[in-house]
PDB file of N, CA and C in Angstrom:
ATOM      1  N   MET A   1       2.897  14.551 -16.114  1.00  0.00           N
ATOM      2  CA  MET A   1       4.215  14.016 -15.881  1.00  0.00           C
ATOM      3  C   MET A   1       4.301  13.404 -14.478  1.00  0.00           C
ATOM      4  N   GLN A   2       3.762  14.120 -13.458  1.00  0.00           N
ATOM      5  CA  GLN A   2       3.813  13.608 -12.088  1.00  0.00           C
ATOM      6  C   GLN A   2       3.004  12.326 -11.965  1.00  0.00           C
ATOM      7  N   THR A   3       1.827  12.284 -12.634  1.00  0.00           N
ATOM      8  CA  THR A   3       1.003  11.082 -12.576  1.00  0.00           C
ATOM      9  C   THR A   3       1.754   9.902 -13.172  1.00  0.00           C
ATOM     10  N   HIS A   4       2.463  10.134 -14.269  1.00  0.00           N
ATOM     11  CA  HIS A   4       3.247   9.075 -14.896  1.00  0.00           C
ATOM     12  C   HIS A   4       4.324   8.566 -13.947  1.00  0.00           C
ATOM     13  N   LYS A   5       4.994   9.486 -13.234  1.00  0.00           N
ATOM     14  CA  LYS A   5       6.021   9.088 -12.273  1.00  0.00           C
ATOM     15  C   LYS A   5       5.418   8.267 -11.147  1.00  0.00           C
ATOM     16  N   MET A   6       4.230   8.663 -10.664  1.00  0.00           N
ATOM     17  CA  MET A   6       3.574   7.917  -9.581  1.00  0.00           C
ATOM     18  C   MET A   6       3.170   6.529 -10.067  1.00  0.00           C
ATOM     19  N   CYS A   7       2.687   6.432 -11.305  1.00  0.00           N
ATOM     20  CA  CYS A   7       2.322   5.123 -11.851  1.00  0.00           C
ATOM     21  C   CYS A   7       3.544   4.227 -11.940  1.00  0.00           C
ATOM     22  N   ASN A   8       4.653   4.796 -12.403  1.00  0.00           N
ATOM     23  CA  ASN A   8       5.889   4.014 -12.486  1.00  0.00           C
ATOM     24  C   ASN A   8       6.343   3.577 -11.105  1.00  0.00           C
ATOM     25  N   ALA A   9       6.238   4.467 -10.131  1.00  0.00           N
ATOM     26  CA  ALA A   9       6.642   4.122  -8.765  1.00  0.00           C
ATOM     27  C   ALA A   9       5.749   3.020  -8.206  1.00  0.00           C
ATOM     28  N   ALA A  10       4.450   3.138  -8.443  1.00  0.00           N
ATOM     29  CA  ALA A  10       3.519   2.113  -7.954  1.00  0.00           C
ATOM     30  C   ALA A  10       3.807   0.775  -8.640  1.00  0.00           C
ATOM     31  N   TRP A  11       4.072   0.811  -9.933  1.00  0.00           N
ATOM     32  CA  TRP A  11       4.367  -0.423 -10.661  1.00  0.00           C
ATOM     33  C   TRP A  11       5.649  -1.060 -10.142  1.00  0.00           C
ATOM     34  N   ALA A  12       6.680  -0.255  -9.936  1.00  0.00           N
ATOM     35  CA  ALA A  12       7.952  -0.780  -9.421  1.00  0.00           C
ATOM     36  C   ALA A  12       7.758  -1.361  -8.030  1.00  0.00           C
ATOM     37  N   LEU A  13       6.964  -0.681  -7.228  1.00  0.00           N
ATOM     38  CA  LEU A  13       6.696  -1.159  -5.872  1.00  0.00           C
ATOM     39  C   LEU A  13       5.958  -2.493  -5.909  1.00  0.00           C
ATOM     40  N   THR A  14       4.948  -2.579  -6.745  1.00  0.00           N
ATOM     41  CA  THR A  14       4.176  -3.812  -6.857  1.00  0.00           C
ATOM     42  C   THR A  14       5.060  -4.954  -7.352  1.00  0.00           C
ATOM     43  N   SER A  15       5.893  -4.681  -8.348  1.00  0.00           N
ATOM     44  CA  SER A  15       6.788  -5.716  -8.868  1.00  0.00           C
ATOM     45  C   SER A  15       7.736  -6.209  -7.790  1.00  0.00           C
ATOM     46  N   GLY A  16       8.288  -5.273  -7.025  1.00  0.00           N
ATOM     47  CA  GLY A  16       9.188  -5.651  -5.947  1.00  0.00           C
ATOM     48  C   GLY A  16       8.488  -6.471  -4.887  1.00  0.00           C
ATOM     49  N   MET A  17       7.239  -6.139  -4.616  1.00  0.00           N
ATOM     50  CA  MET A  17       6.493  -6.877  -3.598  1.00  0.00           C
ATOM     51  C   MET A  17       6.199  -8.298  -4.077  1.00  0.00           C
ATOM     52  N   VAL A  18       5.902  -8.450  -5.359  1.00  0.00           N
ATOM     53  CA  VAL A  18       5.669  -9.794  -5.896  1.00  0.00           C
ATOM     54  C   VAL A  18       6.916 -10.641  -5.733  1.00  0.00           C
ATOM     55  N   ILE A  19       8.059 -10.062  -6.025  1.00  0.00           N
ATOM     56  CA  ILE A  19       9.325 -10.787  -5.866  1.00  0.00           C
ATOM     57  C   ILE A  19       9.547 -11.136  -4.399  1.00  0.00           C
ATOM     58  N   ALA A  20       9.299 -10.184  -3.516  1.00  0.00           N
ATOM     59  CA  ALA A  20       9.500 -10.435  -2.084  1.00  0.00           C
ATOM     60  C   ALA A  20       8.564 -11.522  -1.571  1.00  0.00           C
ATOM     61  N   VAL A  21       7.314 -11.478  -2.000  1.00  0.00           N
ATOM     62  CA  VAL A  21       6.356 -12.492  -1.562  1.00  0.00           C
ATOM     63  C   VAL A  21       6.746 -13.854  -2.121  1.00  0.00           C
ATOM     64  N   ALA A  22       7.185 -13.882  -3.371  1.00  0.00           N
ATOM     65  CA  ALA A  22       7.609 -15.150  -3.961  1.00  0.00           C
ATOM     66  C   ALA A  22       8.818 -15.707  -3.219  1.00  0.00           C
ATOM     67  N   SER A  23       9.743 -14.832  -2.847  1.00  0.00           N
ATOM     68  CA  SER A  23      10.914 -15.277  -2.089  1.00  0.00           C
ATOM     69  C   SER A  23      10.517 -15.812  -0.727  1.00  0.00           C
ATOM     70  N   ALA A  24       9.591 -15.134  -0.078  1.00  0.00           N
ATOM     71  CA  ALA A  24       9.140 -15.578   1.242  1.00  0.00           C
ATOM     72  C   ALA A  24       8.415 -16.914   1.149  1.00  0.00           C
ATOM     73  N   SER A  25       7.744 -17.146   0.029  1.00  0.00           N
ATOM     74  CA  SER A  25       7.018 -18.401  -0.146  1.00  0.00           C
ATOM     75  C   SER A  25       7.943 -19.572  -0.421  1.00  0.00           C
ATOM     76  N   ALA A  26       9.192 -19.284  -0.736  1.00  0.00           N
ATOM     77  CA  ALA A  26      10.147 -20.344  -1.025  1.00  0.00           C
ATOM     78  C   ALA A  26      10.808 -20.842   0.259  1.00  0.00           C
ATOM     79  N   ALA A  27      10.078 -20.793   1.348  1.00  0.00           N
ATOM     80  CA  ALA A  27      10.586 -21.240   2.649  1.00  0.00           C
ATOM     81  C   ALA A  27      10.709 -22.761   2.652  1.00  0.00           C
ATOM     82  N   PRO A  28      11.364 -23.318   3.664  1.00  0.00           N
ATOM     83  CA  PRO A  28      11.485 -24.770   3.744  1.00  0.00           C
ATOM     84  C   PRO A  28      10.118 -25.458   3.702  1.00  0.00           C
ATOM     85  N   ALA A  29      10.117 -26.699   3.246  1.00  0.00           N
ATOM     86  CA  ALA A  29       8.870 -27.435   3.066  1.00  0.00           C
ATOM     87  C   ALA A  29       8.076 -27.562   4.359  1.00  0.00           C
ATOM     88  N   SER A  30       8.718 -27.502   5.512  1.00  0.00           N
ATOM     89  CA  SER A  30       8.003 -27.648   6.771  1.00  0.00           C
ATOM     90  C   SER A  30       7.166 -26.414   7.116  1.00  0.00           C
ATOM     91  N   ALA A  31       7.515 -25.255   6.558  1.00  0.00           N
ATOM     92  CA  ALA A  31       6.753 -24.038   6.833  1.00  0.00           C
ATOM     93  C   ALA A  31       5.703 -23.847   5.753  1.00  0.00           C
ATOM     94  N   PRO A  32       4.440 -23.652   6.148  1.00  0.00           N
ATOM     95  CA  PRO A  32       3.413 -23.439   5.128  1.00  0.00           C
ATOM     96  C   PRO A  32       3.623 -22.092   4.456  1.00  0.00           C
ATOM     97  N   PRO A  33       3.460 -22.033   3.124  1.00  0.00           N
ATOM     98  CA  PRO A  33       3.641 -20.762   2.432  1.00  0.00           C
ATOM     99  C   PRO A  33       2.527 -19.788   2.830  1.00  0.00           C
ATOM    100  N   ILE A  34       2.849 -18.503   2.834  1.00  0.00           N
ATOM    101  CA  ILE A  34       1.870 -17.477   3.150  1.00  0.00           C
ATOM    102  C   ILE A  34       1.420 -16.852   1.840  1.00  0.00           C
ATOM    103  N   ALA A  35       0.129 -16.940   1.571  1.00  0.00           N
ATOM    104  CA  ALA A  35      -0.428 -16.297   0.381  1.00  0.00           C
ATOM    105  C   ALA A  35      -0.408 -14.794   0.611  1.00  0.00           C
ATOM    106  N   ALA A  36      -0.271 -14.042  -0.473  1.00  0.00           N
ATOM    107  CA  ALA A  36      -0.213 -12.584  -0.351  1.00  0.00           C
ATOM    108  C   ALA A  36      -1.453 -12.035   0.351  1.00  0.00           C
ATOM    109  N   ASP A  37      -2.597 -12.650   0.127  1.00  0.00           N
ATOM    110  CA  ASP A  37      -3.827 -12.176   0.759  1.00  0.00           C
ATOM    111  C   ASP A  37      -3.862 -12.488   2.246  1.00  0.00           C
ATOM    112  N   ASP A  38      -3.067 -13.446   2.710  1.00  0.00           N
ATOM    113  CA  ASP A  38      -3.053 -13.838   4.116  1.00  0.00           C
ATOM    114  C   ASP A  38      -1.885 -13.227   4.887  1.00  0.00           C
ATOM    115  N   MET A  39      -1.066 -12.436   4.230  1.00  0.00           N
ATOM    116  CA  MET A  39       0.117 -11.869   4.860  1.00  0.00           C
ATOM    117  C   MET A  39      -0.304 -10.910   5.977  1.00  0.00           C
ATOM    118  N   PRO A  40       0.300 -11.021   7.130  1.00  0.00           N
ATOM    119  CA  PRO A  40      -0.005 -10.066   8.207  1.00  0.00           C
ATOM    120  C   PRO A  40       0.374  -8.642   7.780  1.00  0.00           C
ATOM    121  N   MET A  41      -0.405  -7.681   8.238  1.00  0.00           N
ATOM    122  CA  MET A  41      -0.178  -6.285   7.862  1.00  0.00           C
ATOM    123  C   MET A  41       1.237  -5.833   8.230  1.00  0.00           C
ATOM    124  N   ALA A  42       1.721  -6.234   9.397  1.00  0.00           N
ATOM    125  CA  ALA A  42       3.067  -5.827   9.823  1.00  0.00           C
ATOM    126  C   ALA A  42       4.126  -6.322   8.831  1.00  0.00           C
ATOM    127  N   ASP A  43       3.956  -7.536   8.317  1.00  0.00           N
ATOM    128  CA  ASP A  43       4.910  -8.066   7.341  1.00  0.00           C
ATOM    129  C   ASP A  43       4.843  -7.286   6.037  1.00  0.00           C
ATOM    130  N   TYR A  44       3.619  -6.981   5.601  1.00  0.00           N
ATOM    131  CA  TYR A  44       3.436  -6.232   4.352  1.00  0.00           C
ATOM    132  C   TYR A  44       4.070  -4.841   4.474  1.00  0.00           C
ATOM    133  N   LEU A  45       3.807  -4.176   5.598  1.00  0.00           N
ATOM    134  CA  LEU A  45       4.392  -2.852   5.807  1.00  0.00           C
ATOM    135  C   LEU A  45       5.910  -2.937   5.925  1.00  0.00           C
ATOM    136  N   GLY A  46       6.405  -4.014   6.510  1.00  0.00           N
ATOM    137  CA  GLY A  46       7.848  -4.217   6.594  1.00  0.00           C
ATOM    138  C   GLY A  46       8.483  -4.345   5.217  1.00  0.00           C
ATOM    139  N   LEU A  47       7.808  -5.058   4.319  1.00  0.00           N
ATOM    140  CA  LEU A  47       8.302  -5.161   2.943  1.00  0.00           C
ATOM    141  C   LEU A  47       8.288  -3.800   2.264  1.00  0.00           C
ATOM    142  N   LEU A  48       7.205  -3.061   2.463  1.00  0.00           N
ATOM    143  CA  LEU A  48       7.134  -1.721   1.877  1.00  0.00           C
ATOM    144  C   LEU A  48       8.283  -0.851   2.374  1.00  0.00           C
ATOM    145  N   ALA A  49       8.557  -0.924   3.668  1.00  0.00           N
ATOM    146  CA  ALA A  49       9.627  -0.104   4.251  1.00  0.00           C
ATOM    147  C   ALA A  49      10.980  -0.434   3.621  1.00  0.00           C
ATOM    148  N   ARG A  50      11.182  -1.693   3.293  1.00  0.00           N
ATOM    149  CA  ARG A  50      12.461  -2.100   2.685  1.00  0.00           C
ATOM    150  C   ARG A  50      12.551  -1.657   1.230  1.00  0.00           C
ATOM    151  N   ILE A  51      11.421  -1.672   0.535  1.00  0.00           N
ATOM    152  CA  ILE A  51      11.398  -1.346  -0.890  1.00  0.00           C
ATOM    153  C   ILE A  51      11.344   0.163  -1.114  1.00  0.00           C
ATOM    154  N   ALA A  52      10.438   0.822  -0.406  1.00  0.00           N
ATOM    155  CA  ALA A  52      10.230   2.263  -0.588  1.00  0.00           C
ATOM    156  C   ALA A  52       9.677   2.850   0.713  1.00  0.00           C
ATOM    157  N   PRO A  53      10.533   3.434   1.521  1.00  0.00           N
ATOM    158  CA  PRO A  53      10.081   3.972   2.809  1.00  0.00           C
ATOM    159  C   PRO A  53       8.912   4.951   2.708  1.00  0.00           C
ATOM    160  N   ALA A  54       8.883   5.772   1.672  1.00  0.00           N
ATOM    161  CA  ALA A  54       7.762   6.710   1.519  1.00  0.00           C
ATOM    162  C   ALA A  54       6.457   5.959   1.276  1.00  0.00           C
ATOM    163  N   ALA A  55       6.526   4.832   0.570  1.00  0.00           N
ATOM    164  CA  ALA A  55       5.325   4.028   0.329  1.00  0.00           C
ATOM    165  C   ALA A  55       4.815   3.448   1.643  1.00  0.00           C
ATOM    166  N   GLU A  56       5.719   3.002   2.483  1.00  0.00           N
ATOM    167  CA  GLU A  56       5.311   2.454   3.784  1.00  0.00           C
ATOM    168  C   GLU A  56       4.689   3.545   4.644  1.00  0.00           C
ATOM    169  N   GLU A  57       5.302   4.715   4.674  1.00  0.00           N
ATOM    170  CA  GLU A  57       4.763   5.811   5.473  1.00  0.00           C
ATOM    171  C   GLU A  57       3.406   6.256   4.942  1.00  0.00           C
ATOM    172  N   GLY A  58       3.294   6.390   3.629  1.00  0.00           N
ATOM    173  CA  GLY A  58       2.008   6.763   3.028  1.00  0.00           C
ATOM    174  C   GLY A  58       0.938   5.722   3.302  1.00  0.00           C
ATOM    175  N   ALA A  59       1.312   4.447   3.249  1.00  0.00           N
ATOM    176  CA  ALA A  59       0.361   3.370   3.531  1.00  0.00           C
ATOM    177  C   ALA A  59      -0.101   3.422   4.984  1.00  0.00           C
ATOM    178  N   ARG A  60       0.808   3.736   5.893  1.00  0.00           N
ATOM    179  CA  ARG A  60       0.419   3.855   7.306  1.00  0.00           C
ATOM    180  C   ARG A  60      -0.578   4.998   7.510  1.00  0.00           C
ATOM    181  N   HIS A  61      -0.358   6.117   6.841  1.00  0.00           N
ATOM    182  CA  HIS A  61      -1.307   7.227   6.927  1.00  0.00           C
ATOM    183  C   HIS A  61      -2.664   6.818   6.347  1.00  0.00           C
ATOM    184  N   TYR A  62      -2.617   6.099   5.243  1.00  0.00           N
ATOM    185  CA  TYR A  62      -3.844   5.613   4.597  1.00  0.00           C
ATOM    186  C   TYR A  62      -4.602   4.676   5.537  1.00  0.00           C
ATOM    187  N   LEU A  63      -3.883   3.764   6.181  1.00  0.00           N
ATOM    188  CA  LEU A  63      -4.512   2.823   7.121  1.00  0.00           C
ATOM    189  C   LEU A  63      -5.159   3.555   8.289  1.00  0.00           C
ATOM    190  N   LEU A  64      -4.469   4.560   8.835  1.00  0.00           N
ATOM    191  CA  LEU A  64      -5.033   5.332   9.943  1.00  0.00           C
ATOM    192  C   LEU A  64      -6.277   6.100   9.503  1.00  0.00           C
ATOM    193  N   ALA A  65      -6.204   6.705   8.319  1.00  0.00           N
ATOM    194  CA  ALA A  65      -7.352   7.451   7.811  1.00  0.00           C
ATOM    195  C   ALA A  65      -8.529   6.512   7.562  1.00  0.00           C
ATOM    196  N   PHE A  66      -8.251   5.324   7.022  1.00  0.00           N
ATOM    197  CA  PHE A  66      -9.312   4.347   6.770  1.00  0.00           C
ATOM    198  C   PHE A  66      -9.965   3.938   8.089  1.00  0.00           C
ATOM    199  N   GLN A  67      -9.152   3.635   9.081  1.00  0.00           N
ATOM    200  CA  GLN A  67      -9.666   3.236  10.403  1.00  0.00           C
ATOM    201  C   GLN A  67     -10.539   4.348  10.986  1.00  0.00           C
ATOM    202  N   HIS A  68     -10.069   5.573  10.879  1.00  0.00           N
ATOM    203  CA  HIS A  68     -10.797   6.713  11.438  1.00  0.00           C
ATOM    204  C   HIS A  68     -12.128   6.939  10.703  1.00  0.00           C
ATOM    205  N   ARG A  69     -12.101   6.914   9.368  1.00  0.00           N
ATOM    206  CA  ARG A  69     -13.310   7.186   8.580  1.00  0.00           C
ATOM    207  C   ARG A  69     -14.289   6.031   8.566  1.00  0.00           C
ATOM    208  N   CYS A  70     -13.777   4.817   8.505  1.00  0.00           N
ATOM    209  CA  CYS A  70     -14.629   3.655   8.264  1.00  0.00           C
ATOM    210  C   CYS A  70     -14.928   2.854   9.527  1.00  0.00           C
ATOM    211  N   GLY A  71     -14.195   3.122  10.601  1.00  0.00           N
ATOM    212  CA  GLY A  71     -14.455   2.451  11.860  1.00  0.00           C
ATOM    213  C   GLY A  71     -14.027   0.997  11.910  1.00  0.00           C
ATOM    214  N   ARG A  72     -13.151   0.616  11.018  1.00  0.00           N
ATOM    215  CA  ARG A  72     -12.633  -0.757  10.999  1.00  0.00           C
ATOM    216  C   ARG A  72     -11.257  -0.736  10.344  1.00  0.00           C
ATOM    217  N   PRO A  73     -10.454  -1.740  10.663  1.00  0.00           N
ATOM    218  CA  PRO A  73      -9.126  -1.786  10.017  1.00  0.00           C
ATOM    219  C   PRO A  73      -9.246  -2.269   8.565  1.00  0.00           C
ATOM    220  N   LEU A  74      -8.318  -1.859   7.759  1.00  0.00           N
ATOM    221  CA  LEU A  74      -8.247  -2.315   6.376  1.00  0.00           C
ATOM    222  C   LEU A  74      -7.445  -3.609   6.342  1.00  0.00           C
ATOM    223  N   ALA A  75      -7.926  -4.599   5.635  1.00  0.00           N
ATOM    224  CA  ALA A  75      -7.230  -5.882   5.513  1.00  0.00           C
ATOM    225  C   ALA A  75      -5.995  -5.723   4.625  1.00  0.00           C
ATOM    226  N   THR A  76      -5.016  -6.553   4.874  1.00  0.00           N
ATOM    227  CA  THR A  76      -3.784  -6.520   4.079  1.00  0.00           C
ATOM    228  C   THR A  76      -4.078  -6.681   2.593  1.00  0.00           C
ATOM    229  N   ALA A  77      -4.960  -7.617   2.261  1.00  0.00           N
ATOM    230  CA  ALA A  77      -5.297  -7.853   0.853  1.00  0.00           C
ATOM    231  C   ALA A  77      -5.896  -6.603   0.218  1.00  0.00           C
ATOM    232  N   ASP A  78      -6.704  -5.870   0.978  1.00  0.00           N
ATOM    233  CA  ASP A  78      -7.308  -4.651   0.446  1.00  0.00           C
ATOM    234  C   ASP A  78      -6.264  -3.555   0.247  1.00  0.00           C
ATOM    235  N   LEU A  79      -5.304  -3.447   1.166  1.00  0.00           N
ATOM    236  CA  LEU A  79      -4.231  -2.479   0.979  1.00  0.00           C
ATOM    237  C   LEU A  79      -3.390  -2.861  -0.231  1.00  0.00           C
ATOM    238  N   ARG A  80      -3.106  -4.139  -0.371  1.00  0.00           N
ATOM    239  CA  ARG A  80      -2.324  -4.599  -1.522  1.00  0.00           C
ATOM    240  C   ARG A  80      -3.040  -4.255  -2.825  1.00  0.00           C
ATOM    241  N   ARG A  81      -4.355  -4.482  -2.863  1.00  0.00           N
ATOM    242  CA  ARG A  81      -5.118  -4.143  -4.070  1.00  0.00           C
ATOM    243  C   ARG A  81      -5.142  -2.627  -4.301  1.00  0.00           C
ATOM    244  N   ALA A  82      -5.281  -1.852  -3.231  1.00  0.00           N
ATOM    245  CA  ALA A  82      -5.267  -0.393  -3.369  1.00  0.00           C
ATOM    246  C   ALA A  82      -3.931   0.079  -3.936  1.00  0.00           C
ATOM    247  N   MET A  83      -2.879  -0.643  -3.630  1.00  0.00           N
ATOM    248  CA  MET A  83      -1.545  -0.327  -4.108  1.00  0.00           C
ATOM    249  C   MET A  83      -1.374  -0.704  -5.581  1.00  0.00           C
ATOM    250  N   SER A  84      -1.963  -1.819  -5.992  1.00  0.00           N
ATOM    251  CA  SER A  84      -1.577  -2.399  -7.277  1.00  0.00           C
ATOM    252  C   SER A  84      -2.653  -2.450  -8.355  1.00  0.00           C
ATOM    253  N   ASP A  85      -3.922  -2.339  -8.020  1.00  0.00           N
ATOM    254  CA  ASP A  85      -4.959  -2.414  -9.056  1.00  0.00           C
ATOM    255  C   ASP A  85      -4.920  -1.171  -9.936  1.00  0.00           C
ATOM    256  N   GLY A  86      -4.838  -1.398 -11.219  1.00  0.00           N
ATOM    257  CA  GLY A  86      -4.783  -0.274 -12.152  1.00  0.00           C
ATOM    258  C   GLY A  86      -3.610   0.635 -11.836  1.00  0.00           C
ATOM    259  N   ASP A  87      -3.910   1.920 -11.677  1.00  0.00           N
ATOM    260  CA  ASP A  87      -2.892   2.906 -11.314  1.00  0.00           C
ATOM    261  C   ASP A  87      -2.771   3.045  -9.803  1.00  0.00           C
ATOM    262  N   GLY A  88      -3.497   2.224  -9.063  1.00  0.00           N
ATOM    263  CA  GLY A  88      -3.511   2.326  -7.604  1.00  0.00           C
ATOM    264  C   GLY A  88      -4.591   3.299  -7.160  1.00  0.00           C
ATOM    265  N   ASP A  89      -4.995   3.172  -5.907  1.00  0.00           N
ATOM    266  CA  ASP A  89      -5.986   4.088  -5.357  1.00  0.00           C
ATOM    267  C   ASP A  89      -5.389   5.496  -5.389  1.00  0.00           C
ATOM    268  N   PRO A  90      -6.082   6.450  -6.028  1.00  0.00           N
ATOM    269  CA  PRO A  90      -5.516   7.796  -6.156  1.00  0.00           C
ATOM    270  C   PRO A  90      -5.194   8.454  -4.818  1.00  0.00           C
ATOM    271  N   VAL A  91      -6.004   8.209  -3.797  1.00  0.00           N
ATOM    272  CA  VAL A  91      -5.739   8.808  -2.488  1.00  0.00           C
ATOM    273  C   VAL A  91      -4.484   8.190  -1.881  1.00  0.00           C
ATOM    274  N   LEU A  92      -4.353   6.876  -1.981  1.00  0.00           N
ATOM    275  CA  LEU A  92      -3.157   6.206  -1.466  1.00  0.00           C
ATOM    276  C   LEU A  92      -1.918   6.695  -2.204  1.00  0.00           C
ATOM    277  N   MET A  93      -1.992   6.794  -3.527  1.00  0.00           N
ATOM    278  CA  MET A  93      -0.840   7.268  -4.300  1.00  0.00           C
ATOM    279  C   MET A  93      -0.478   8.704  -3.917  1.00  0.00           C
ATOM    280  N   ALA A  94      -1.491   9.532  -3.667  1.00  0.00           N
ATOM    281  CA  ALA A  94      -1.235  10.913  -3.257  1.00  0.00           C
ATOM    282  C   ALA A  94      -0.615  10.950  -1.860  1.00  0.00           C
ATOM    283  N   MET A  95      -1.040  10.036  -0.989  1.00  0.00           N
ATOM    284  CA  MET A  95      -0.455   9.975   0.359  1.00  0.00           C
ATOM    285  C   MET A  95       1.011   9.522   0.300  1.00  0.00           C
ATOM    286  N   ILE A  96       1.304   8.608  -0.591  1.00  0.00           N
ATOM    287  CA  ILE A  96       2.694   8.174  -0.769  1.00  0.00           C
ATOM    288  C   ILE A  96       3.542   9.345  -1.267  1.00  0.00           C
ATOM    289  N   ARG A  97       3.015  10.077  -2.226  1.00  0.00           N
ATOM    290  CA  ARG A  97       3.738  11.233  -2.754  1.00  0.00           C
ATOM    291  C   ARG A  97       3.931  12.278  -1.660  1.00  0.00           C
ATOM    292  N   ALA A  98       2.884  12.558  -0.897  1.00  0.00           N
ATOM    293  CA  ALA A  98       2.981  13.539   0.192  1.00  0.00           C
ATOM    294  C   ALA A  98       3.999  13.080   1.236  1.00  0.00           C
ATOM    295  N   SER A  99       4.042  11.787   1.503  1.00  0.00           N
ATOM    296  CA  SER A  99       5.035  11.259   2.449  1.00  0.00           C
ATOM    297  C   SER A  99       6.438  11.467   1.917  1.00  0.00           C
ATOM    298  N   HIS A 100       6.607  11.216   0.632  1.00  0.00           N
ATOM    299  CA  HIS A 100       7.919  11.416   0.006  1.00  0.00           C
ATOM    300  C   HIS A 100       8.356  12.881   0.105  1.00  0.00           C
ATOM    301  N   LEU A 101       7.391  13.784  -0.083  1.00  0.00           N
ATOM    302  CA  LEU A 101       7.685  15.218  -0.035  1.00  0.00           C
ATOM    303  C   LEU A 101       7.654  15.778   1.386  1.00  0.00           C
ATOM    304  N   ARG A 102       7.305  14.920   2.342  1.00  0.00           N
ATOM    305  CA  ARG A 102       7.163  15.324   3.752  1.00  0.00           C
ATOM    306  C   ARG A 102       6.154  16.464   3.899  1.00  0.00           C
ATOM    307  N   ASP A 103       5.057  16.333   3.152  1.00  0.00           N
ATOM    308  CA  ASP A 103       3.992  17.342   3.126  1.00  0.00           C
ATOM    309  C   ASP A 103       2.879  16.919   4.083  1.00  0.00           C
ATOM    310  N   THR A 104       3.037  17.264   5.358  1.00  0.00           N
ATOM    311  CA  THR A 104       2.059  16.850   6.362  1.00  0.00           C
ATOM    312  C   THR A 104       0.701  17.510   6.145  1.00  0.00           C
ATOM    313  N   ALA A 105       0.685  18.717   5.586  1.00  0.00           N
ATOM    314  CA  ALA A 105      -0.590  19.386   5.304  1.00  0.00           C
ATOM    315  C   ALA A 105      -1.386  18.584   4.269  1.00  0.00           C
ATOM    316  N   ALA A 106      -0.715  18.086   3.232  1.00  0.00           N
ATOM    317  CA  ALA A 106      -1.400  17.283   2.213  1.00  0.00           C
ATOM    318  C   ALA A 106      -1.912  15.976   2.816  1.00  0.00           C
ATOM    319  N   LEU A 107      -1.117  15.355   3.675  1.00  0.00           N
ATOM    320  CA  LEU A 107      -1.565  14.114   4.328  1.00  0.00           C
ATOM    321  C   LEU A 107      -2.828  14.361   5.143  1.00  0.00           C
ATOM    322  N   THR A 108      -2.867  15.481   5.838  1.00  0.00           N
ATOM    323  CA  THR A 108      -4.039  15.833   6.637  1.00  0.00           C
ATOM    324  C   THR A 108      -5.251  16.085   5.733  1.00  0.00           C
ATOM    325  N   ARG A 109      -5.040  16.795   4.636  1.00  0.00           N
ATOM    326  CA  ARG A 109      -6.131  17.070   3.683  1.00  0.00           C
ATOM    327  C   ARG A 109      -6.652  15.800   3.033  1.00  0.00           C
ATOM    328  N   LEU A 110      -5.777  14.853   2.763  1.00  0.00           N
ATOM    329  CA  LEU A 110      -6.165  13.640   2.049  1.00  0.00           C
ATOM    330  C   LEU A 110      -6.939  12.651   2.920  1.00  0.00           C
ATOM    331  N   GLY A 111      -6.718  12.650   4.215  1.00  0.00           N
ATOM    332  CA  GLY A 111      -7.358  11.693   5.113  1.00  0.00           C
ATOM    333  C   GLY A 111      -8.853  11.541   4.912  1.00  0.00           C
ATOM    334  N   PRO A 112      -9.616  12.644   4.869  1.00  0.00           N
ATOM    335  CA  PRO A 112     -11.061  12.525   4.689  1.00  0.00           C
ATOM    336  C   PRO A 112     -11.485  12.007   3.306  1.00  0.00           C
ATOM    337  N   SER A 113     -10.556  11.915   2.375  1.00  0.00           N
ATOM    338  CA  SER A 113     -10.872  11.434   1.024  1.00  0.00           C
ATOM    339  C   SER A 113     -10.805   9.919   0.885  1.00  0.00           C
ATOM    340  N   VAL A 114     -10.315   9.240   1.912  1.00  0.00           N
ATOM    341  CA  VAL A 114     -10.205   7.777   1.858  1.00  0.00           C
ATOM    342  C   VAL A 114     -11.611   7.192   1.799  1.00  0.00           C
ATOM    343  N   ALA A 115     -11.828   6.324   0.831  1.00  0.00           N
ATOM    344  CA  ALA A 115     -13.154   5.711   0.639  1.00  0.00           C
ATOM    345  C   ALA A 115     -13.280   4.430   1.458  1.00  0.00           C
ATOM    346  N   CYS A 116     -14.451   4.241   2.020  1.00  0.00           N
ATOM    347  CA  CYS A 116     -14.711   3.013   2.797  1.00  0.00           C
ATOM    348  C   CYS A 116     -15.137   1.870   1.879  1.00  0.00           C
ATOM    349  N   GLU A 117     -15.689   2.199   0.752  1.00  0.00           N
ATOM    350  CA  GLU A 117     -16.133   1.172  -0.193  1.00  0.00           C
ATOM    351  C   GLU A 117     -15.081   0.955  -1.249  1.00  0.00           C
ATOM    352  N   ARG A 118     -14.973  -0.265  -1.700  1.00  0.00           N
ATOM    353  CA  ARG A 118     -13.995  -0.649  -2.729  1.00  0.00           C
ATOM    354  C   ARG A 118     -14.358  -0.013  -4.044  1.00  0.00           C
ATOM    355  N   ARG A 119     -13.384   0.624  -4.694  1.00  0.00           N
ATOM    356  CA  ARG A 119     -13.584   1.217  -6.019  1.00  0.00           C
ATOM    357  C   ARG A 119     -13.168   0.205  -7.072  1.00  0.00           C
ATOM    358  N   ALA A 120     -13.804   0.285  -8.221  1.00  0.00           N
ATOM    359  CA  ALA A 120     -13.447  -0.604  -9.337  1.00  0.00           C
ATOM    360  C   ALA A 120     -12.084  -0.217  -9.890  1.00  0.00           C
ATOM    361  N   ALA A 121     -11.321  -1.200 -10.330  1.00  0.00           N
ATOM    362  CA  ALA A 121     -10.016  -0.948 -10.937  1.00  0.00           C
ATOM    363  C   ALA A 121     -10.208  -0.260 -12.273  1.00  0.00           C
ATOM    364  N   ARG A 122      -9.221   0.576 -12.625  1.00  0.00           N
ATOM    365  CA  ARG A 122      -9.314   1.294 -13.905  1.00  0.00           C
ATOM    366  C   ARG A 122      -8.613   0.547 -14.988  1.00  0.00           C
TER     367      ARG A 122
END
């Protein structure tokens, strides 16, 4: 049941982000549109914060854990894919849930589980 709720939350979040990105791309003709893959991380996190604050907080924890484990920052496009491919990256989804529940112990436990290599979508 909880997994189903997380999938629904991830789907709703992804749908909202598509709408937000499409709206942002409808800027005046003089401004070049920003592709979702080229969106600055701060803008992406800002959209998450507006749509679902727990998702933004969980994503920030995920980004910090990725930086710590992998020694490099995660690209916006990779975070977007981790959010939306299949059911989403299970560690990221768990971090979002832990953020929602304000479970700092779970966030700490999940950090070492962040993968440096891209996983195939399910």
